[in-house]
Amino acid sequence: MDIRPASTVAELLAAGHLFDAPPREEWAARFLAADGHVLLIAYVDGVPAGFVSGIEMLHPDKGTEMCLYELAVDDLFRRRGIGGALTRALVDLARERGCYDVWVGVEPDNEAALATYRSAGAGDDGRFAMLVWEFGGDEDGSQP
């Protein structure tokens, strides 16, 4: 397995089967150009097998932390340690970048995600509620 940062739109598009929906060139380019946005791809025999994305969040009185935004592993490659390896790679990168921590939100019944993150060294700091403002829009994310 080889884990490396995505640096081109072509890499993100080639890993499109790992995303919830096909990545769009415009959004992939914006993601890669944005400071503090990271996407690491795990390759097995040259095939994209999984990814983890993270976003640095900077606050004036706290410094920078990393949000582990999304982790995905192709069904064909699950249960091989790829999710844990990707998580550890993002944690290591966050540490190298000077982040004071990494956090991730997980549904309390998502046992696979909880096991993966715990195996990579994460600990539970208590429960929290996530509230969302949904803006609607078209399926491409644009607003009416």
N, C-alpha and C. Protein backbone atom coordinates (compact mmCIF):
# COMPACT_ATOMS: atom_id res chain seq x y z
N MET A 1 0.86 -1.19 0.00
CA MET A 1 0.00 0.00 0.00
C MET A 1 0.89 1.23 0.00
N ASP A 2 0.48 2.21 -0.78
CA ASP A 2 1.18 3.48 -0.88
C ASP A 2 0.17 4.59 -0.60
N ILE A 3 0.47 5.45 0.38
CA ILE A 3 -0.41 6.57 0.70
C ILE A 3 0.29 7.85 0.30
N ARG A 4 -0.40 8.67 -0.49
CA ARG A 4 0.20 9.95 -0.89
C ARG A 4 -0.88 11.01 -1.06
N PRO A 5 -0.47 12.28 -0.89
CA PRO A 5 -1.44 13.37 -1.05
C PRO A 5 -1.87 13.52 -2.50
N ALA A 6 -3.15 13.77 -2.70
CA ALA A 6 -3.64 14.09 -4.04
C ALA A 6 -3.17 15.49 -4.38
N SER A 7 -2.64 15.65 -5.57
CA SER A 7 -2.14 16.96 -5.97
C SER A 7 -2.71 17.43 -7.30
N THR A 8 -3.44 16.55 -7.98
CA THR A 8 -4.01 16.93 -9.28
C THR A 8 -5.49 16.55 -9.34
N VAL A 9 -6.20 17.27 -10.16
CA VAL A 9 -7.62 16.95 -10.39
C VAL A 9 -7.74 15.55 -10.97
N ALA A 10 -6.82 15.17 -11.85
CA ALA A 10 -6.87 13.84 -12.46
C ALA A 10 -6.82 12.74 -11.41
N GLU A 11 -6.01 12.92 -10.36
CA GLU A 11 -5.95 11.92 -9.28
C GLU A 11 -7.29 11.80 -8.57
N LEU A 12 -7.93 12.94 -8.29
CA LEU A 12 -9.22 12.91 -7.61
C LEU A 12 -10.28 12.26 -8.49
N LEU A 13 -10.27 12.56 -9.77
CA LEU A 13 -11.26 11.97 -10.67
C LEU A 13 -11.03 10.46 -10.82
N ALA A 14 -9.77 10.04 -10.82
CA ALA A 14 -9.45 8.61 -10.93
C ALA A 14 -9.89 7.84 -9.69
N ALA A 15 -10.02 8.53 -8.57
CA ALA A 15 -10.48 7.91 -7.33
C ALA A 15 -11.97 8.14 -7.13
N GLY A 16 -12.67 8.53 -8.16
CA GLY A 16 -14.08 8.90 -8.06
C GLY A 16 -14.98 7.83 -7.50
N HIS A 17 -14.64 6.56 -7.70
CA HIS A 17 -15.46 5.46 -7.18
C HIS A 17 -15.47 5.41 -5.65
N LEU A 18 -14.56 6.12 -5.01
CA LEU A 18 -14.47 6.12 -3.54
C LEU A 18 -15.38 7.16 -2.90
N PHE A 19 -15.83 8.12 -3.66
CA PHE A 19 -16.63 9.22 -3.14
C PHE A 19 -18.11 8.86 -3.10
N ASP A 20 -18.87 9.63 -2.35
CA ASP A 20 -20.32 9.42 -2.29
C ASP A 20 -20.98 9.68 -3.65
N ALA A 21 -20.45 10.62 -4.39
CA ALA A 21 -20.93 10.96 -5.73
C ALA A 21 -19.69 11.27 -6.58
N PRO A 22 -19.82 11.19 -7.88
CA PRO A 22 -18.65 11.47 -8.72
C PRO A 22 -18.10 12.88 -8.46
N PRO A 23 -16.79 13.00 -8.25
CA PRO A 23 -16.23 14.34 -8.06
C PRO A 23 -16.35 15.16 -9.33
N ARG A 24 -16.54 16.46 -9.15
CA ARG A 24 -16.64 17.37 -10.28
C ARG A 24 -15.32 18.11 -10.43
N GLU A 25 -14.88 18.28 -11.66
CA GLU A 25 -13.59 18.91 -11.93
C GLU A 25 -13.45 20.26 -11.23
N GLU A 26 -14.48 21.10 -11.34
CA GLU A 26 -14.42 22.44 -10.74
C GLU A 26 -14.23 22.37 -9.23
N TRP A 27 -14.98 21.50 -8.58
CA TRP A 27 -14.89 21.39 -7.12
C TRP A 27 -13.57 20.76 -6.70
N ALA A 28 -13.11 19.77 -7.48
CA ALA A 28 -11.82 19.13 -7.19
C ALA A 28 -10.69 20.16 -7.28
N ALA A 29 -10.74 21.01 -8.28
CA ALA A 29 -9.72 22.05 -8.44
C ALA A 29 -9.77 23.04 -7.28
N ARG A 30 -10.95 23.44 -6.88
CA ARG A 30 -11.09 24.37 -5.75
C ARG A 30 -10.58 23.73 -4.46
N PHE A 31 -10.89 22.46 -4.25
CA PHE A 31 -10.43 21.76 -3.05
C PHE A 31 -8.91 21.76 -3.01
N LEU A 32 -8.29 21.37 -4.12
CA LEU A 32 -6.82 21.28 -4.15
C LEU A 32 -6.15 22.64 -4.00
N ALA A 33 -6.82 23.69 -4.45
CA ALA A 33 -6.23 25.04 -4.38
C ALA A 33 -6.42 25.69 -3.01
N ALA A 34 -7.33 25.18 -2.20
CA ALA A 34 -7.65 25.80 -0.92
C ALA A 34 -6.58 25.49 0.12
N ASP A 35 -6.07 26.52 0.78
CA ASP A 35 -5.11 26.33 1.86
C ASP A 35 -5.75 25.49 2.96
N GLY A 36 -4.99 24.56 3.48
CA GLY A 36 -5.45 23.78 4.61
C GLY A 36 -6.34 22.60 4.26
N HIS A 37 -6.60 22.38 2.99
CA HIS A 37 -7.39 21.21 2.57
C HIS A 37 -6.42 20.11 2.15
N VAL A 38 -6.66 18.90 2.67
CA VAL A 38 -5.76 17.77 2.41
C VAL A 38 -6.60 16.57 2.02
N LEU A 39 -6.14 15.82 1.03
CA LEU A 39 -6.77 14.56 0.69
C LEU A 39 -5.65 13.57 0.39
N LEU A 40 -5.59 12.52 1.18
CA LEU A 40 -4.59 11.46 1.00
C LEU A 40 -5.29 10.27 0.37
N ILE A 41 -4.64 9.67 -0.63
CA ILE A 41 -5.19 8.50 -1.30
C ILE A 41 -4.29 7.31 -1.03
N ALA A 42 -4.90 6.18 -0.68
CA ALA A 42 -4.17 4.92 -0.52
C ALA A 42 -4.30 4.13 -1.82
N TYR A 43 -3.16 3.69 -2.32
CA TYR A 43 -3.13 2.89 -3.55
C TYR A 43 -2.67 1.47 -3.21
N VAL A 44 -3.35 0.49 -3.78
CA VAL A 44 -2.93 -0.90 -3.67
C VAL A 44 -2.70 -1.39 -5.10
N ASP A 45 -1.48 -1.75 -5.39
CA ASP A 45 -1.11 -2.16 -6.75
C ASP A 45 -1.52 -1.11 -7.78
N GLY A 46 -1.36 0.16 -7.44
CA GLY A 46 -1.65 1.26 -8.34
C GLY A 46 -3.11 1.66 -8.43
N VAL A 47 -3.98 0.96 -7.72
CA VAL A 47 -5.42 1.24 -7.76
C VAL A 47 -5.82 2.05 -6.53
N PRO A 48 -6.58 3.16 -6.71
CA PRO A 48 -7.05 3.90 -5.53
C PRO A 48 -7.97 3.01 -4.70
N ALA A 49 -7.55 2.74 -3.45
CA ALA A 49 -8.29 1.83 -2.58
C ALA A 49 -9.04 2.55 -1.47
N GLY A 50 -8.63 3.78 -1.17
CA GLY A 50 -9.28 4.53 -0.11
C GLY A 50 -8.73 5.94 -0.06
N PHE A 51 -9.42 6.79 0.70
CA PHE A 51 -8.93 8.15 0.90
C PHE A 51 -9.36 8.66 2.25
N VAL A 52 -8.66 9.68 2.71
CA VAL A 52 -9.06 10.44 3.88
C VAL A 52 -8.88 11.91 3.52
N SER A 53 -9.85 12.73 3.93
CA SER A 53 -9.71 14.17 3.70
C SER A 53 -9.72 14.88 5.04
N GLY A 54 -8.99 15.97 5.09
CA GLY A 54 -8.93 16.77 6.29
C GLY A 54 -8.94 18.24 5.95
N ILE A 55 -9.42 19.04 6.90
CA ILE A 55 -9.46 20.48 6.71
C ILE A 55 -8.91 21.14 7.97
N GLU A 56 -7.88 21.97 7.78
CA GLU A 56 -7.35 22.72 8.91
C GLU A 56 -8.31 23.84 9.28
N MET A 57 -8.48 24.01 10.58
CA MET A 57 -9.36 25.06 11.09
C MET A 57 -8.52 25.90 12.05
N LEU A 58 -8.44 27.20 11.76
CA LEU A 58 -7.62 28.12 12.54
C LEU A 58 -8.52 29.03 13.36
N HIS A 59 -8.17 29.18 14.64
CA HIS A 59 -8.92 30.07 15.52
C HIS A 59 -7.94 30.99 16.23
N PRO A 60 -8.29 32.27 16.43
CA PRO A 60 -7.35 33.24 16.98
C PRO A 60 -6.78 32.90 18.36
N ASP A 61 -7.56 32.20 19.19
CA ASP A 61 -7.06 31.93 20.54
C ASP A 61 -6.65 30.47 20.76
N LYS A 62 -6.82 29.64 19.76
CA LYS A 62 -6.52 28.23 19.94
C LYS A 62 -5.42 27.72 19.02
N GLY A 63 -5.22 28.37 17.92
CA GLY A 63 -4.29 27.86 16.92
C GLY A 63 -5.03 27.02 15.90
N THR A 64 -4.36 26.05 15.34
CA THR A 64 -4.91 25.26 14.24
C THR A 64 -5.17 23.82 14.67
N GLU A 65 -6.35 23.35 14.32
CA GLU A 65 -6.68 21.94 14.51
C GLU A 65 -7.08 21.37 13.15
N MET A 66 -7.06 20.06 13.05
CA MET A 66 -7.44 19.39 11.81
C MET A 66 -8.75 18.65 12.04
N CYS A 67 -9.69 18.86 11.15
CA CYS A 67 -10.93 18.08 11.15
C CYS A 67 -10.76 16.96 10.14
N LEU A 68 -10.87 15.72 10.59
CA LEU A 68 -10.90 14.59 9.67
C LEU A 68 -12.31 14.62 9.08
N TYR A 69 -12.40 15.05 7.84
CA TYR A 69 -13.69 15.30 7.23
C TYR A 69 -14.36 14.02 6.72
N GLU A 70 -13.58 13.19 6.04
CA GLU A 70 -14.17 11.98 5.48
C GLU A 70 -13.11 10.91 5.29
N LEU A 71 -13.52 9.68 5.54
CA LEU A 71 -12.69 8.50 5.32
C LEU A 71 -13.50 7.51 4.52
N ALA A 72 -12.92 6.97 3.46
CA ALA A 72 -13.62 5.97 2.65
C ALA A 72 -12.63 4.92 2.18
N VAL A 73 -13.07 3.67 2.21
CA VAL A 73 -12.27 2.56 1.68
C VAL A 73 -13.18 1.74 0.78
N ASP A 74 -12.70 1.43 -0.41
CA ASP A 74 -13.44 0.63 -1.37
C ASP A 74 -13.81 -0.71 -0.73
N ASP A 75 -15.01 -1.18 -1.00
CA ASP A 75 -15.48 -2.45 -0.43
C ASP A 75 -14.48 -3.59 -0.68
N LEU A 76 -13.86 -3.61 -1.85
CA LEU A 76 -12.93 -4.69 -2.19
C LEU A 76 -11.67 -4.69 -1.32
N PHE A 77 -11.39 -3.57 -0.66
CA PHE A 77 -10.15 -3.44 0.10
C PHE A 77 -10.38 -3.30 1.61
N ARG A 78 -11.60 -3.49 2.05
CA ARG A 78 -11.88 -3.33 3.48
C ARG A 78 -11.29 -4.47 4.29
N ARG A 79 -11.12 -4.18 5.58
CA ARG A 79 -10.61 -5.15 6.56
C ARG A 79 -9.16 -5.53 6.29
N ARG A 80 -8.42 -4.60 5.70
CA ARG A 80 -6.99 -4.81 5.45
C ARG A 80 -6.14 -3.76 6.15
N GLY A 81 -6.75 -2.91 6.98
CA GLY A 81 -6.00 -1.89 7.71
C GLY A 81 -5.81 -0.58 6.96
N ILE A 82 -6.46 -0.44 5.82
CA ILE A 82 -6.28 0.76 5.01
C ILE A 82 -6.88 1.98 5.69
N GLY A 83 -8.07 1.84 6.26
CA GLY A 83 -8.70 2.97 6.96
C GLY A 83 -7.85 3.46 8.11
N GLY A 84 -7.33 2.55 8.91
CA GLY A 84 -6.46 2.92 10.02
C GLY A 84 -5.18 3.58 9.54
N ALA A 85 -4.58 3.03 8.48
CA ALA A 85 -3.35 3.61 7.94
C ALA A 85 -3.59 5.02 7.40
N LEU A 86 -4.72 5.23 6.72
CA LEU A 86 -5.04 6.56 6.22
C LEU A 86 -5.26 7.53 7.38
N THR A 87 -5.96 7.07 8.42
CA THR A 87 -6.20 7.92 9.58
C THR A 87 -4.89 8.31 10.24
N ARG A 88 -4.01 7.34 10.47
CA ARG A 88 -2.71 7.64 11.08
C ARG A 88 -1.89 8.58 10.21
N ALA A 89 -1.97 8.43 8.89
CA ALA A 89 -1.22 9.31 7.99
C ALA A 89 -1.73 10.75 8.11
N LEU A 90 -3.04 10.94 8.22
CA LEU A 90 -3.58 12.29 8.38
C LEU A 90 -3.18 12.86 9.75
N VAL A 91 -3.25 12.05 10.79
CA VAL A 91 -2.84 12.50 12.13
C VAL A 91 -1.37 12.92 12.11
N ASP A 92 -0.52 12.12 11.48
CA ASP A 92 0.91 12.47 11.39
C ASP A 92 1.11 13.77 10.62
N LEU A 93 0.38 13.93 9.52
CA LEU A 93 0.48 15.16 8.73
C LEU A 93 0.03 16.37 9.54
N ALA A 94 -1.06 16.22 10.29
CA ALA A 94 -1.55 17.33 11.13
C ALA A 94 -0.49 17.71 12.17
N ARG A 95 0.13 16.71 12.77
CA ARG A 95 1.20 16.97 13.75
C ARG A 95 2.36 17.72 13.08
N GLU A 96 2.76 17.27 11.90
CA GLU A 96 3.84 17.93 11.16
C GLU A 96 3.50 19.38 10.82
N ARG A 97 2.23 19.65 10.57
CA ARG A 97 1.79 21.01 10.22
C ARG A 97 1.58 21.89 11.45
N GLY A 98 1.78 21.35 12.63
CA GLY A 98 1.66 22.15 13.85
C GLY A 98 0.26 22.22 14.43
N CYS A 99 -0.65 21.37 13.98
CA CYS A 99 -1.99 21.36 14.55
C CYS A 99 -1.93 20.87 15.99
N TYR A 100 -2.81 21.40 16.83
CA TYR A 100 -2.80 20.99 18.23
C TYR A 100 -3.65 19.75 18.46
N ASP A 101 -4.54 19.38 17.52
CA ASP A 101 -5.27 18.13 17.61
C ASP A 101 -5.93 17.82 16.28
N VAL A 102 -6.52 16.63 16.23
CA VAL A 102 -7.34 16.20 15.09
C VAL A 102 -8.65 15.71 15.70
N TRP A 103 -9.76 16.07 15.07
CA TRP A 103 -11.05 15.60 15.57
C TRP A 103 -11.89 15.11 14.41
N VAL A 104 -12.86 14.26 14.74
CA VAL A 104 -13.77 13.71 13.75
C VAL A 104 -15.12 13.51 14.41
N GLY A 105 -16.17 13.81 13.69
CA GLY A 105 -17.52 13.51 14.16
C GLY A 105 -17.96 12.16 13.62
N VAL A 106 -18.53 11.34 14.48
CA VAL A 106 -18.94 9.99 14.09
C VAL A 106 -20.32 9.71 14.69
N GLU A 107 -21.20 9.12 13.91
CA GLU A 107 -22.48 8.70 14.44
C GLU A 107 -22.22 7.63 15.51
N PRO A 108 -22.92 7.69 16.63
CA PRO A 108 -22.63 6.76 17.73
C PRO A 108 -22.86 5.29 17.39
N ASP A 109 -23.63 5.00 16.35
CA ASP A 109 -23.87 3.60 15.98
C ASP A 109 -22.99 3.13 14.82
N ASN A 110 -22.04 3.95 14.39
CA ASN A 110 -21.14 3.56 13.30
C ASN A 110 -19.94 2.82 13.90
N GLU A 111 -20.16 1.56 14.23
CA GLU A 111 -19.15 0.76 14.92
C GLU A 111 -17.86 0.61 14.11
N ALA A 112 -17.97 0.48 12.78
CA ALA A 112 -16.77 0.31 11.96
C ALA A 112 -15.89 1.56 12.04
N ALA A 113 -16.50 2.73 11.92
CA ALA A 113 -15.72 3.98 12.00
C ALA A 113 -15.13 4.15 13.39
N LEU A 114 -15.92 3.90 14.41
CA LEU A 114 -15.41 4.04 15.78
C LEU A 114 -14.22 3.11 16.01
N ALA A 115 -14.32 1.87 15.56
CA ALA A 115 -13.21 0.92 15.73
C ALA A 115 -11.97 1.38 14.97
N THR A 116 -12.17 1.88 13.76
CA THR A 116 -11.03 2.35 12.96
C THR A 116 -10.33 3.51 13.64
N TYR A 117 -11.08 4.51 14.07
CA TYR A 117 -10.47 5.68 14.69
C TYR A 117 -9.82 5.33 16.02
N ARG A 118 -10.46 4.47 16.81
CA ARG A 118 -9.86 4.07 18.08
C ARG A 118 -8.58 3.28 17.86
N SER A 119 -8.55 2.42 16.83
CA SER A 119 -7.34 1.64 16.55
C SER A 119 -6.19 2.53 16.10
N ALA A 120 -6.54 3.72 15.60
CA ALA A 120 -5.52 4.68 15.16
C ALA A 120 -5.15 5.66 16.28
N GLY A 121 -5.66 5.42 17.50
CA GLY A 121 -5.24 6.22 18.64
C GLY A 121 -6.22 7.27 19.13
N ALA A 122 -7.38 7.39 18.51
CA ALA A 122 -8.35 8.40 18.94
C ALA A 122 -9.05 7.96 20.22
N GLY A 123 -9.42 8.95 21.02
CA GLY A 123 -10.18 8.69 22.23
C GLY A 123 -11.44 9.52 22.22
N ASP A 124 -12.47 9.04 22.89
CA ASP A 124 -13.75 9.73 22.98
C ASP A 124 -13.66 10.82 24.04
N ASP A 125 -13.98 12.05 23.68
CA ASP A 125 -13.94 13.13 24.67
C ASP A 125 -15.34 13.51 25.14
N GLY A 126 -16.31 12.67 24.90
CA GLY A 126 -17.69 12.92 25.32
C GLY A 126 -18.60 13.00 24.12
N ARG A 127 -19.87 13.07 24.37
CA ARG A 127 -20.85 13.16 23.29
C ARG A 127 -21.12 14.62 22.94
N PHE A 128 -21.46 14.83 21.69
CA PHE A 128 -21.88 16.16 21.27
C PHE A 128 -23.00 16.01 20.26
N ALA A 129 -23.76 17.05 20.11
CA ALA A 129 -24.82 17.07 19.12
C ALA A 129 -24.36 17.89 17.93
N MET A 130 -24.63 17.40 16.74
CA MET A 130 -24.30 18.16 15.54
C MET A 130 -25.60 18.70 14.97
N LEU A 131 -25.66 20.00 14.80
CA LEU A 131 -26.81 20.67 14.23
C LEU A 131 -26.42 21.19 12.86
N VAL A 132 -27.35 21.21 11.94
CA VAL A 132 -27.05 21.54 10.55
C VAL A 132 -28.03 22.57 10.02
N TRP A 133 -27.53 23.55 9.29
CA TRP A 133 -28.36 24.47 8.52
C TRP A 133 -28.28 23.98 7.08
N GLU A 134 -29.38 23.51 6.53
CA GLU A 134 -29.38 23.04 5.15
C GLU A 134 -29.94 24.14 4.26
N PHE A 135 -29.26 24.38 3.15
CA PHE A 135 -29.63 25.47 2.26
C PHE A 135 -30.33 25.01 1.00
N GLY A 136 -30.52 23.70 0.85
CA GLY A 136 -31.19 23.22 -0.36
C GLY A 136 -30.27 23.35 -1.55
N GLY A 137 -30.80 23.81 -2.63
CA GLY A 137 -30.01 23.96 -3.85
C GLY A 137 -30.22 22.78 -4.76
N ASP A 138 -29.62 22.89 -5.91
CA ASP A 138 -29.71 21.84 -6.91
C ASP A 138 -28.79 20.69 -6.52
N GLU A 139 -28.93 19.56 -7.18
CA GLU A 139 -28.12 18.40 -6.84
C GLU A 139 -26.63 18.65 -7.08
N ASP A 140 -26.29 19.67 -7.87
CA ASP A 140 -24.88 19.97 -8.10
C ASP A 140 -24.33 20.91 -7.02
N GLY A 141 -25.15 21.24 -6.02
CA GLY A 141 -24.70 22.09 -4.93
C GLY A 141 -24.89 23.57 -5.16
N SER A 142 -25.33 23.95 -6.36
CA SER A 142 -25.54 25.36 -6.63
C SER A 142 -26.84 25.82 -5.98
N GLN A 143 -26.92 27.06 -5.71
CA GLN A 143 -28.12 27.61 -5.06
C GLN A 143 -29.10 28.09 -6.12
N PRO A 144 -30.41 28.01 -5.78
CA PRO A 144 -31.45 28.45 -6.74
C PRO A 144 -31.35 29.94 -7.03
